[in-house]
Each structure stands twice: as structure tokens, then as C-alpha cells.
């Protein structure tokens, strides 16, 4: 049964055995064997020809450990888990900062198909809550509001407000520990998929270049075979400027093909290593800190005229994608299974 485990399951078990940080550099026999199997799954997911490279396991081993450790450190940077349920909407500053209304919070919970499936599974039938990954976009905008200066109210004061939208919940688990473990696996799988996408893009680009190269070479040969008496000679003279541009294009194509090289097994292994050994180039976390009032206006520490709190957020930045703020959230079954209505009375606006 274990021989058919998917990469996600293998990495999950590997992380479970690596409770201490030193486990990433000091593996016991059981962990080493599991890492070997995970390594083979990585090759299956990128290019099986890598196995033709002598000592391919040794060449991939260090980069896979680097990727595993990177995922572990990224997840450790995600702040503590928030209670994302309607009972904490008033009291929890994070919940109030992330959701402007109570009905908006309930809508996000109820519309998550992953959460509904989690609570409908027999093993979670009696679970009162779940921990999931909450992702959203962060926006900063300039607004104009009122400020109190002593006994005077000043209108149209320029302010900076932070808001969050496009909320999504992913990968529900039984508790925070399991949720963090699952997230590590997803990050590692994402790096493997990035390596595969890079290889696919290189193959596609090389094919495009070779096709264009053949077309241009055919035109160059046609030019050489035309004599001055050819009916096409005058047309060719008129198009000489275009041909010179195509000659320059041909040189650039040849240069790019040389840079890409042929996707030999050795080259494929190098590309996979390049992704897994430098994972911070593809995914990283930026820590953000704001001091926000109840309306998500950014306040200074010494501003005593407004009640505000310092809040910490983690923003994941994946190459080629928009940054997204992420946090782990405990969600109650009631908020997921509660049928959402658009009754305006359910909205609880910030004070």
C-alpha cells in the first residue's frame, strides 16, 4: 500500500517524522527511505529521463531537502490562527480587519466547497470546527475622513486605509497542526509543479524558435537562388530591408537556442535542481505590520485620539502571481452550514 502513496502523502509523512529542525540534516534510515521515495515521485512529476543521469539521487538529494526546509520555514512565518466565526466578529481585531461585515464573513465560510465537503465526511461528522487556510488580496488606498483636533472636527483629512477582498478558504484540517502540515506539503508540491512548468515552457519555446528558424532559413536559401533576370528579383530588392531584419532575427534565435540548449536528461535534472535549490525565487513570505483603528485606517503609535491595535499579517508572493495575504483560521461548523441570506439586518457594520 505504501508503494502507491502520492507525493503529497509521502511528504506529509516525512514532515511528521521531522519534528525537530535537525531532522532535515540528520535523517534516520526510515526518513531517508521515505525521502528516496519522495525523490522518485518528484522525477515522475517532472521528467522520468532524469533517471538516466548517473548518480541522479545524489544530485537531487540536497535540493529536495532545501525545498522541504524552505516550505517548513515559510509556514512558520504565518501568524497564529484566528477564530473566524461570527461569535468573535466584535471582539477579535483580526476578524474585524479582514471582514467589513458579519454577513461577508458568513458568505465566505458558506461558499467554501472544501469546507462543506470536510464537514460532510463521515470522519468529521461530529467535528464542531475546522482549521483552514484563508487567502485574500490586500489593498491600500487614500481616503478622506474626519479627525478630531481638540474640541474641533476637521473634515476631508487625507487618510490611508487597508482593506481585504477576494477571500478564499483552502485545505481544511482537523486542527492547526494538521493544517500547517498540509500547507507545507502544498508548498513543496507547488515547487515541483513549478519545475515541471519551467521544463514545459522551455520545450515549447525551443519548438517555437526552431520552427521560426526553419522558415527564415528557407527564405535565405530562396534569396541565394534568385538571379538578376528572375521575375522575383525586383520584388526581392524592394524587400531587402525586411530580409535584413529577418537575418538579425535569425541570429537572435540562434543565440537563444544556444542559451536554452537541448533538454537532455542532464539538462532536465539541472532545471529541477535550479527550482528546488533556490525556492525563495519562486515563493516567499513578506511580513506586514499595521496599526489599524476600527475602520482599518492606519494610525501612528502616538496617536491617542483613536483606539488602534498593532496587527501582523503574512503575505505570500508566488512568482507570476498576485501577492495574497494568508492566515490560518478556525471555522465553526455553524458558520459553514448556516444558509447565507442577504438580509441587511445581518450586517454588522464597524463602529
Protein backbone atom coordinates (compact mmCIF):
# COMPACT_ATOMS: atom_id res chain seq x y z
CA UNK A 1 0.00 0.00 0.00
CA UNK A 2 2.77 2.47 0.89
CA UNK A 3 4.38 1.92 -2.51
CA UNK A 4 1.45 3.66 -4.19
CA UNK A 5 1.45 6.74 -1.95
CA UNK A 6 1.19 10.03 -3.84
CA UNK A 7 3.86 12.71 -3.43
CA UNK A 8 1.63 14.72 -1.08
CA UNK A 9 1.18 11.73 1.25
CA UNK A 10 4.87 10.88 1.23
CA UNK A 11 5.89 14.44 2.06
CA UNK A 12 3.18 14.57 4.73
CA UNK A 13 4.62 11.51 6.46
CA UNK A 14 8.15 12.84 6.04
CA UNK A 15 7.25 16.09 7.79
CA UNK A 16 5.60 14.14 10.57
CA UNK A 17 8.89 12.36 11.22
CA UNK A 18 10.89 15.59 11.03
CA UNK A 19 9.53 17.11 14.21
CA UNK A 20 12.83 18.75 15.07
CA UNK A 21 14.67 21.09 12.72
CA UNK A 22 17.84 18.98 12.87
CA UNK A 23 15.92 16.17 11.17
CA UNK A 24 16.40 17.92 7.84
CA UNK A 25 20.14 17.37 8.03
CA UNK A 26 20.27 14.26 10.22
CA UNK A 27 17.92 11.66 8.80
CA UNK A 28 17.39 8.23 10.27
CA UNK A 29 17.07 5.21 7.99
CA UNK A 30 13.28 5.36 7.90
CA UNK A 31 13.21 9.04 6.96
CA UNK A 32 15.94 8.54 4.37
CA UNK A 33 13.99 5.72 2.73
CA UNK A 34 10.86 7.85 2.62
CA UNK A 35 12.82 10.76 1.17
CA UNK A 36 14.16 8.46 -1.55
CA UNK A 37 10.60 7.53 -2.49
CA UNK A 38 9.58 11.19 -2.50
CA UNK A 39 12.56 11.92 -4.74
CA UNK A 40 11.34 9.32 -7.23
CA UNK A 41 7.88 10.92 -7.18
CA UNK A 42 9.48 14.28 -7.97
CA UNK A 43 11.14 12.73 -11.02
CA UNK A 44 7.85 11.15 -12.09
CA UNK A 45 6.26 14.58 -11.84
CA UNK A 46 8.90 16.37 -13.92
CA UNK A 47 10.85 14.17 -16.37
CA UNK A 48 11.42 10.44 -15.94
CA UNK A 49 14.54 10.61 -18.16
CA UNK A 50 16.39 12.15 -15.20
CA UNK A 51 16.96 8.58 -14.01
CA UNK A 52 19.36 8.16 -16.95
CA UNK A 53 21.77 10.61 -15.32
CA UNK A 54 24.50 8.87 -13.29
CA UNK A 55 24.08 9.41 -9.53
CA UNK A 56 20.83 11.32 -10.08
CA UNK A 57 19.67 10.68 -6.50
CA UNK A 58 22.77 12.18 -5.00
CA UNK A 59 22.48 15.20 -7.30
CA UNK A 60 18.83 15.83 -6.34
CA UNK A 61 19.03 14.97 -2.64
CA UNK A 62 20.34 18.29 -1.34
CA UNK A 63 17.97 20.46 -3.38
CA UNK A 64 14.93 18.46 -2.22
CA UNK A 65 15.99 18.93 1.40
CA UNK A 66 16.37 22.65 0.70
CA UNK A 67 12.83 22.83 -0.70
CA UNK A 68 11.39 20.89 2.25
CA UNK A 69 13.14 23.15 4.73
CA UNK A 70 12.00 26.26 2.84
CA UNK A 71 8.36 25.16 3.00
CA UNK A 72 8.76 24.46 6.71
CA UNK A 73 10.15 27.94 7.38
CA UNK A 74 7.52 29.66 5.25
CA UNK A 75 4.66 28.09 7.17
CA UNK A 76 6.34 29.03 10.46
CA UNK A 77 6.10 32.70 9.37
CA UNK A 78 2.30 32.58 9.15
CA UNK A 79 0.92 34.23 12.32
CA UNK A 80 -1.16 32.48 14.91
CA UNK A 81 -4.54 31.06 13.96
CA UNK A 82 -7.51 33.43 14.16
CA UNK A 83 -11.05 32.46 15.19
CA UNK A 84 -13.09 33.06 12.08
CA UNK A 85 -16.59 32.66 13.41
CA UNK A 86 -19.49 35.02 14.00
CA UNK A 87 -19.16 34.89 17.79
CA UNK A 88 -15.74 36.59 17.59
CA UNK A 89 -16.64 39.18 14.99
CA UNK A 90 -16.99 42.01 17.53
CA UNK A 91 -14.09 41.16 19.83
CA UNK A 92 -11.35 39.86 17.52
CA UNK A 93 -9.42 42.71 15.83
CA UNK A 94 -8.16 40.45 13.05
CA UNK A 95 -11.63 39.26 12.13
CA UNK A 96 -12.91 42.83 12.07
CA UNK A 97 -9.93 43.95 9.96
CA UNK A 98 -10.33 41.17 7.39
CA UNK A 99 -14.14 41.35 7.05
CA UNK A 100 -16.09 44.63 6.99
CA UNK A 101 -19.42 42.90 7.73
CA UNK A 102 -20.64 39.81 9.55
CA UNK A 103 -22.63 38.66 6.53
CA UNK A 104 -19.45 38.87 4.42
CA UNK A 105 -17.69 36.55 6.85
CA UNK A 106 -20.57 34.07 6.76
CA UNK A 107 -20.70 34.21 2.98
CA UNK A 108 -17.03 33.26 2.62
CA UNK A 109 -17.45 30.35 5.06
CA UNK A 110 -20.63 29.06 3.49
CA UNK A 111 -19.40 29.33 -0.10
CA UNK A 112 -16.30 27.21 0.53
CA UNK A 113 -16.97 23.86 -1.13
CA UNK A 114 -13.88 22.39 0.55
CA UNK A 115 -15.24 23.23 4.00
CA UNK A 116 -18.69 21.83 3.23
CA UNK A 117 -17.10 18.61 1.98
CA UNK A 118 -14.91 18.43 5.10
CA UNK A 119 -17.89 18.64 7.48
CA UNK A 120 -19.94 16.21 5.38
CA UNK A 121 -17.31 13.45 5.56
CA UNK A 122 -18.13 10.66 7.99
CA UNK A 123 -14.90 11.02 10.00
CA UNK A 124 -15.68 14.72 10.58
CA UNK A 125 -19.41 14.35 11.11
CA UNK A 126 -19.17 15.29 14.79
CA UNK A 127 -16.44 17.93 14.35
CA UNK A 128 -17.53 21.30 15.68
CA UNK A 129 -14.81 23.24 13.86
CA UNK A 130 -12.06 23.05 11.27
CA UNK A 131 -8.82 24.91 10.60
CA UNK A 132 -8.29 26.14 7.04
CA UNK A 133 -6.02 28.46 5.09
CA UNK A 134 -7.60 31.85 4.44
CA UNK A 135 -6.21 33.76 1.43
CA UNK A 136 -7.15 37.26 0.30
CA UNK A 137 -5.90 40.31 -1.58
CA UNK A 138 -4.63 43.34 0.34
CA UNK A 139 -5.38 46.88 -0.84
CA UNK A 140 -4.11 50.24 0.40
CA UNK A 141 -5.99 53.34 -0.69
CA UNK A 142 -6.19 57.02 0.10
CA UNK A 143 -9.50 58.15 1.60
CA UNK A 144 -10.76 61.39 3.11
CA UNK A 145 -12.36 61.38 6.54
CA UNK A 146 -12.80 63.39 9.72
CA UNK A 147 -10.30 63.90 12.52
CA UNK A 148 -10.76 65.35 16.00
CA UNK A 149 -8.33 68.14 16.89
CA UNK A 150 -9.05 69.03 20.49
CA UNK A 151 -12.68 70.15 20.51
CA UNK A 152 -12.76 70.76 16.75
CA UNK A 153 -13.70 68.35 13.99
CA UNK A 154 -11.61 68.65 10.85
CA UNK A 155 -13.19 67.36 7.66
CA UNK A 156 -11.62 65.97 4.48
CA UNK A 157 -8.46 64.76 6.19
CA UNK A 158 -6.31 62.56 3.97
CA UNK A 159 -6.01 59.04 5.41
CA UNK A 160 -4.61 55.65 4.39
CA UNK A 161 -6.96 52.68 4.66
CA UNK A 162 -6.20 48.98 4.36
CA UNK A 163 -8.84 46.61 3.02
CA UNK A 164 -9.02 42.94 2.09
CA UNK A 165 -11.09 41.26 -0.62
CA UNK A 166 -11.37 38.11 -2.76
CA UNK A 167 -11.35 35.83 0.31
CA UNK A 168 -10.95 32.08 -0.24
CA UNK A 169 -10.62 29.15 2.16
CA UNK A 170 -8.46 26.14 1.29
CA UNK A 171 -7.25 22.82 2.68
CA UNK A 172 -9.42 22.37 5.81
CA UNK A 173 -7.97 20.13 8.51
CA UNK A 174 -8.89 18.90 11.96
CA UNK A 175 -6.62 21.31 13.84
CA UNK A 176 -3.89 23.90 13.41
CA UNK A 177 -1.01 21.41 13.47
CA UNK A 178 -2.55 19.33 10.70
CA UNK A 179 -3.40 22.44 8.70
CA UNK A 180 0.18 23.72 8.86
CA UNK A 181 1.47 20.29 7.90
CA UNK A 182 -0.83 20.15 4.89
CA UNK A 183 0.26 23.62 3.83
CA UNK A 184 3.92 22.59 3.89
CA UNK A 185 3.07 19.70 1.57
CA UNK A 186 1.20 22.02 -0.80
CA UNK A 187 4.14 24.44 -0.96
CA UNK A 188 6.57 21.63 -1.74
CA UNK A 189 4.24 20.25 -4.41
CA UNK A 190 3.95 23.76 -5.82
CA UNK A 191 7.72 23.93 -6.23
CA UNK A 192 7.72 20.59 -8.04
CA UNK A 193 4.93 21.83 -10.32
CA UNK A 194 6.94 24.99 -10.95
CA UNK A 195 9.90 22.88 -12.08
CA UNK A 196 7.59 20.93 -14.40
CA UNK A 197 6.11 24.16 -15.79
CA UNK A 198 9.60 25.53 -16.44
CA UNK A 199 10.58 22.40 -18.37
CA UNK A 200 7.35 22.51 -20.38
CA UNK A 201 7.88 26.18 -21.17
CA UNK A 202 11.43 25.51 -22.32
CA UNK A 203 10.26 22.72 -24.63
CA UNK A 204 7.51 24.92 -26.04
CA UNK A 205 9.85 27.85 -26.54
CA UNK A 206 12.50 25.72 -28.24
CA UNK A 207 9.91 24.29 -30.64
CA UNK A 208 8.69 27.81 -31.48
CA UNK A 209 12.23 29.01 -32.12
CA UNK A 210 13.15 26.00 -34.25
CA UNK A 211 10.00 26.40 -36.36
CA UNK A 212 10.73 30.09 -36.96
CA UNK A 213 14.36 29.28 -37.68
CA UNK A 214 13.35 26.84 -40.42
CA UNK A 215 11.12 29.45 -42.05
CA UNK A 216 13.84 32.10 -42.04
CA UNK A 217 16.49 29.71 -43.33
CA UNK A 218 14.16 28.74 -46.21
CA UNK A 219 13.82 32.42 -47.13
CA UNK A 220 17.60 32.89 -47.02
CA UNK A 221 18.08 29.93 -49.39
CA UNK A 222 15.45 31.29 -51.76
CA UNK A 223 17.27 34.60 -51.91
CA UNK A 224 20.53 32.94 -52.89
CA UNK A 225 18.89 31.10 -55.80
CA UNK A 226 17.36 34.22 -57.40
CA UNK A 227 19.21 35.69 -60.36
CA UNK A 228 19.02 39.26 -61.67
CA UNK A 229 16.73 38.16 -64.51
CA UNK A 230 14.30 36.42 -62.17
CA UNK A 231 10.80 37.96 -62.17
CA UNK A 232 11.02 37.99 -58.37
CA UNK A 233 14.37 39.80 -58.28
CA UNK A 234 12.98 43.35 -58.27
CA UNK A 235 10.49 42.42 -55.57
CA UNK A 236 13.33 40.95 -53.52
CA UNK A 237 15.33 44.17 -53.85
CA UNK A 238 12.35 46.17 -52.61
CA UNK A 239 12.01 43.81 -49.67
CA UNK A 240 15.71 43.89 -48.84
CA UNK A 241 15.07 45.90 -45.67
CA UNK A 242 12.74 43.20 -44.37
CA UNK A 243 15.26 40.49 -45.19
CA UNK A 244 17.97 42.29 -43.25
CA UNK A 245 15.66 42.42 -40.25
CA UNK A 246 14.96 38.71 -40.64
CA UNK A 247 18.70 37.99 -40.78
CA UNK A 248 19.06 39.82 -37.47
CA UNK A 249 16.11 37.86 -36.07
CA UNK A 250 17.74 34.62 -37.19
CA UNK A 251 20.91 35.49 -35.27
CA UNK A 252 18.89 36.26 -32.14
CA UNK A 253 17.04 32.96 -32.48
CA UNK A 254 20.29 31.04 -32.79
CA UNK A 255 21.62 32.80 -29.69
CA UNK A 256 18.51 31.98 -27.65
CA UNK A 257 18.56 28.35 -28.79
CA UNK A 258 22.15 28.10 -27.63
CA UNK A 259 21.18 29.53 -24.24
CA UNK A 260 18.28 27.09 -23.85
CA UNK A 261 20.29 24.14 -25.05
CA UNK A 262 18.85 20.71 -25.69
CA UNK A 263 16.63 19.25 -22.98
CA UNK A 264 18.81 16.26 -22.30
CA UNK A 265 18.28 14.25 -19.10
CA UNK A 266 21.21 16.10 -17.52
CA UNK A 267 19.76 19.46 -18.52
CA UNK A 268 16.34 18.49 -17.12
CA UNK A 269 17.92 17.49 -13.81
CA UNK A 270 19.73 20.83 -13.67
CA UNK A 271 16.46 22.69 -14.25
CA UNK A 272 14.70 20.79 -11.45
CA UNK A 273 17.65 21.45 -9.16
CA UNK A 274 17.57 25.15 -10.06
CA UNK A 275 13.97 25.39 -8.83
CA UNK A 276 14.22 23.25 -5.70
CA UNK A 277 17.61 24.56 -4.56
CA UNK A 278 16.54 28.22 -4.72
CA UNK A 279 12.87 28.08 -3.73
CA UNK A 280 12.82 31.67 -2.44
CA UNK A 281 12.98 32.83 -6.08
CA UNK A 282 9.58 31.26 -6.67
CA UNK A 283 7.74 31.59 -3.35
CA UNK A 284 8.41 33.67 -0.27
CA UNK A 285 6.59 35.34 2.60
CA UNK A 286 6.67 39.03 3.45
CA UNK A 287 5.67 40.02 6.98
CA UNK A 288 3.50 43.13 7.28
CA UNK A 289 2.62 45.13 10.39
CA UNK A 290 -0.10 47.78 10.62
CA UNK A 291 -1.58 49.80 13.44
CA UNK A 292 -5.26 49.98 12.49
CA UNK A 293 -8.34 51.53 14.05
CA UNK A 294 -11.85 50.02 13.81
CA UNK A 295 -12.25 51.39 10.28
CA UNK A 296 -8.91 49.97 9.08
CA UNK A 297 -7.32 53.44 8.95
CA UNK A 298 -3.56 53.31 9.51
CA UNK A 299 -2.66 55.10 12.74
CA UNK A 300 0.61 56.15 14.36
CA UNK A 301 1.69 54.67 17.67
CA UNK A 302 1.49 58.02 19.44
CA UNK A 303 -1.98 58.86 18.11
CA UNK A 304 -4.08 58.81 21.30
CA UNK A 305 -7.18 60.30 19.64
CA UNK A 306 -8.10 56.96 18.05
CA UNK A 307 -8.20 53.48 19.50
CA UNK A 308 -5.96 51.26 17.39
CA UNK A 309 -4.11 47.95 17.58
CA UNK A 310 -0.95 46.61 16.02
CA UNK A 311 -1.80 43.73 13.69
CA UNK A 312 0.60 41.35 11.96
CA UNK A 313 -0.03 39.76 8.57
CA UNK A 314 1.85 37.39 6.26
CA UNK A 315 1.76 37.98 2.52
CA UNK A 316 2.74 35.11 0.24
CA UNK A 317 4.42 36.09 -3.01
CA UNK A 318 4.50 33.46 -5.72
CA UNK A 319 6.38 34.21 -8.93
CA UNK A 320 3.99 35.28 -11.69
CA UNK A 321 1.00 35.69 -9.36
CA UNK A 322 -0.53 38.50 -7.34
CA UNK A 323 0.58 38.60 -3.69
CA UNK A 324 -2.01 37.26 -1.26
CA UNK A 325 -2.30 37.72 2.49
CA UNK A 326 -2.63 34.34 4.21
CA UNK A 327 -3.58 33.22 7.69
CA UNK A 328 -4.87 30.09 9.32
CA UNK A 329 -8.44 30.31 10.58
CA UNK A 330 -10.58 28.21 12.88
CA UNK A 331 -14.08 27.99 11.47
CA UNK A 332 -17.15 26.65 13.23
CA UNK A 333 -19.48 24.16 11.58
CA UNK A 334 -22.37 26.54 12.27
CA UNK A 335 -20.92 29.32 10.08
CA UNK A 336 -20.27 26.89 7.23
CA UNK A 337 -23.59 25.10 7.32
CA UNK A 338 -25.66 28.20 8.08
CA UNK A 339 -27.58 29.11 4.94
CA UNK A 340 -26.49 32.58 4.00
CA UNK A 341 -29.18 35.19 3.40
CA UNK A 342 -28.79 38.70 2.10
CA UNK A 343 -30.85 40.17 4.91
CA UNK A 344 -29.33 43.55 5.61
CA UNK A 345 -30.15 43.11 9.27
CA UNK A 346 -27.39 40.52 9.47
CA UNK A 347 -24.80 43.11 8.54
CA UNK A 348 -22.88 44.44 11.48
CA UNK A 349 -21.00 47.49 10.32
CA UNK A 350 -17.81 48.57 12.08
CA UNK A 351 -18.31 51.32 14.60
